[in-house]
Amino acid sequence: MTSMIPQSLVALADIRPRAIDDWAQYRLEGEQFLRLAEQAHHRQKKAFTPTILYNLVTRAIEKLVMAALMRCGRLPDNHTLHDLVAALERWLPETVRGLAGPLCELDSFQDICDPYAGTITAPSRREVESMLILARKLEERLAMGTVVPPKEHRERP
């Protein structure tokens, strides 16, 4: 039986993604957000409330994850931490193994997609400390060169 796919079409599995421009800028900005949050937290700067620190940490995570995904030519389906984690689980599973649950839990502090029914819960200083540790673990995994797509998604020689 002959294939029903015309020869001019390419199967999705045969598409070879390329790095998306400016991924390194995203990584740099993620590192800067994380460093700022760590320094402000450790110095106990009053201007940096736990809610502000939460936003800096999650912004750092978003930038770091986007950099890793962009480097391997992929993007998440949406902008929440759940979506970012799902993209990592799909394209770079080794980077998020064991961290997915705690990363997704960070979404519970702010549910602001609906401007009329959104909720914001301020984290405690202890929760901020845990967030910083989590973000640093993720940053270290992404920086260790583990941003290589899984075998089934790598280009063929």
Protein backbone atom coordinates (compact mmCIF):
# COMPACT_ATOMS: atom_id res chain seq x y z
CA MET A 1 0.00 0.00 0.00
CA THR A 2 1.39 3.41 -0.91
CA SER A 3 1.59 6.35 1.45
CA MET A 4 -1.21 8.92 1.32
CA ILE A 5 1.22 11.75 2.17
CA PRO A 6 2.40 13.66 -0.90
CA GLN A 7 6.20 13.62 -1.31
CA SER A 8 6.41 17.42 -1.01
CA LEU A 9 5.09 17.46 2.57
CA VAL A 10 7.32 17.10 5.61
CA ALA A 11 6.26 15.14 8.67
CA LEU A 12 6.32 16.99 12.00
CA ALA A 13 8.98 14.62 13.32
CA ASP A 14 11.28 15.67 10.46
CA ILE A 15 11.17 19.40 11.25
CA ARG A 16 14.53 20.44 12.64
CA PRO A 17 14.18 23.36 15.07
CA ARG A 18 16.86 26.03 15.26
CA ALA A 19 17.78 28.29 18.14
CA ILE A 20 15.60 31.39 18.43
CA ASP A 21 17.53 34.67 18.39
CA ASP A 22 18.24 36.45 21.68
CA TRP A 23 18.02 33.35 23.88
CA ALA A 24 21.29 34.40 25.58
CA GLN A 25 19.77 37.80 26.45
CA TYR A 26 16.86 36.03 28.14
CA ARG A 27 19.30 33.92 30.17
CA LEU A 28 21.29 36.98 31.21
CA GLU A 29 18.13 38.78 32.32
CA GLY A 30 16.97 35.70 34.24
CA GLU A 31 20.30 35.51 36.04
CA GLN A 32 20.06 39.22 36.88
CA PHE A 33 16.51 38.94 38.25
CA LEU A 34 17.54 35.97 40.39
CA ARG A 35 20.67 37.66 41.71
CA LEU A 36 18.68 40.81 42.59
CA ALA A 37 16.05 38.76 44.43
CA GLU A 38 18.72 36.83 46.36
CA GLN A 39 20.62 39.95 47.36
CA ALA A 40 17.49 41.87 48.39
CA HIS A 41 16.24 38.89 50.41
CA HIS A 42 19.54 38.29 52.21
CA ARG A 43 20.00 42.00 52.98
CA GLN A 44 16.36 42.18 54.13
CA LYS A 45 15.70 45.36 52.16
CA LYS A 46 12.32 46.68 53.32
CA ALA A 47 11.42 47.97 49.86
CA PHE A 48 11.53 44.38 48.62
CA THR A 49 8.41 42.90 50.18
CA PRO A 50 7.81 39.14 49.94
CA THR A 51 5.34 39.82 47.10
CA ILE A 52 7.94 41.81 45.16
CA LEU A 53 10.54 39.11 45.80
CA TYR A 54 8.06 36.48 44.58
CA ASN A 55 7.60 38.45 41.37
CA LEU A 56 11.36 38.78 40.87
CA VAL A 57 11.90 35.05 41.44
CA THR A 58 9.12 33.99 39.08
CA ARG A 59 10.31 36.48 36.47
CA ALA A 60 13.80 34.99 36.78
CA ILE A 61 12.40 31.49 36.33
CA GLU A 62 10.36 32.58 33.31
CA LYS A 63 13.39 34.18 31.64
CA LEU A 64 15.67 31.21 32.37
CA VAL A 65 13.15 28.69 31.08
CA MET A 66 12.41 30.75 27.97
CA ALA A 67 16.16 31.02 27.27
CA ALA A 68 16.58 27.24 27.47
CA LEU A 69 13.56 26.60 25.27
CA MET A 70 14.57 29.27 22.76
CA ARG A 71 18.09 27.81 22.60
CA CYS A 72 16.68 24.49 21.43
CA GLY A 73 14.13 26.15 19.12
CA ARG A 74 11.00 25.52 21.20
CA LEU A 75 8.39 27.67 22.96
CA PRO A 76 5.78 26.98 25.64
CA ASP A 77 2.07 26.93 24.86
CA ASN A 78 1.35 29.78 27.28
CA HIS A 79 2.88 31.96 29.99
CA THR A 80 2.04 30.37 33.35
CA LEU A 81 4.56 28.38 35.36
CA HIS A 82 2.47 25.28 34.63
CA ASP A 83 2.93 25.94 30.90
CA LEU A 84 6.66 26.58 31.26
CA VAL A 85 7.09 23.36 33.25
CA ALA A 86 5.05 21.41 30.68
CA ALA A 87 7.33 22.68 27.92
CA LEU A 88 10.43 21.68 29.89
CA GLU A 89 8.94 18.24 30.57
CA ARG A 90 8.33 17.83 26.85
CA TRP A 91 11.55 19.21 25.40
CA LEU A 92 14.11 19.18 28.25
CA PRO A 93 12.79 16.72 30.84
CA GLU A 94 16.10 16.22 32.65
CA THR A 95 16.18 19.89 33.67
CA VAL A 96 12.90 19.80 35.57
CA ARG A 97 12.91 16.26 36.97
CA GLY A 98 11.99 16.48 40.66
CA LEU A 99 11.28 20.23 40.44
CA ALA A 100 8.04 20.25 38.43
CA GLY A 101 5.65 20.09 41.39
CA PRO A 102 7.27 22.88 43.43
CA LEU A 103 7.61 25.07 40.32
CA CYS A 104 3.92 24.65 39.47
CA GLU A 105 2.97 25.44 43.07
CA LEU A 106 4.41 28.93 42.58
CA ASP A 107 1.38 29.73 40.39
CA SER A 108 -0.83 29.45 43.49
CA PHE A 109 0.45 32.75 44.91
CA GLN A 110 -0.95 34.80 42.04
CA ASP A 111 -3.95 33.99 39.90
CA ILE A 112 -4.28 37.20 37.90
CA CYS A 113 -5.41 36.05 34.47
CA ASP A 114 -8.95 37.22 35.18
CA PRO A 115 -8.74 40.88 36.29
CA TYR A 116 -12.13 40.65 38.04
CA ALA A 117 -11.61 37.42 39.94
CA GLY A 118 -7.85 37.33 40.44
CA THR A 119 -6.22 36.51 43.75
CA ILE A 120 -2.83 37.41 45.18
CA THR A 121 -1.42 35.70 48.26
CA ALA A 122 1.71 37.19 49.82
CA PRO A 123 4.34 34.55 50.56
CA SER A 124 6.17 34.44 53.88
CA ARG A 125 9.90 35.20 54.09
CA ARG A 126 10.48 31.47 54.60
CA GLU A 127 8.51 30.67 51.43
CA VAL A 128 10.59 33.26 49.56
CA GLU A 129 13.74 31.50 50.77
CA SER A 130 12.41 28.19 49.39
CA MET A 131 11.53 29.89 46.10
CA LEU A 132 15.08 31.24 45.79
CA ILE A 133 16.57 27.80 46.44
CA LEU A 134 14.24 26.25 43.86
CA ALA A 135 15.04 28.91 41.24
CA ARG A 136 18.78 28.50 41.81
CA LYS A 137 18.51 24.69 41.40
CA LEU A 138 16.68 25.15 38.12
CA GLU A 139 19.16 27.80 36.94
CA GLU A 140 22.07 25.47 37.73
CA ARG A 141 20.52 22.61 35.78
CA LEU A 142 19.83 24.82 32.79
CA ALA A 143 23.36 26.29 32.93
CA MET A 144 25.10 22.90 33.17
CA GLY A 145 24.57 22.28 29.50
CA THR A 146 21.48 20.15 29.97
CA VAL A 147 19.63 22.22 27.39
CA VAL A 148 20.04 19.57 24.70
CA PRO A 149 16.75 18.26 23.34
CA PRO A 150 15.94 14.62 24.16
CA LYS A 151 17.20 12.06 21.62
CA GLU A 152 13.87 11.78 19.84
CA HIS A 153 13.94 15.52 19.09
CA ARG A 154 17.60 15.93 18.05
CA GLU A 155 18.61 16.49 14.46
CA ARG A 156 19.67 13.42 12.58
CA PRO A 157 23.22 13.37 11.17
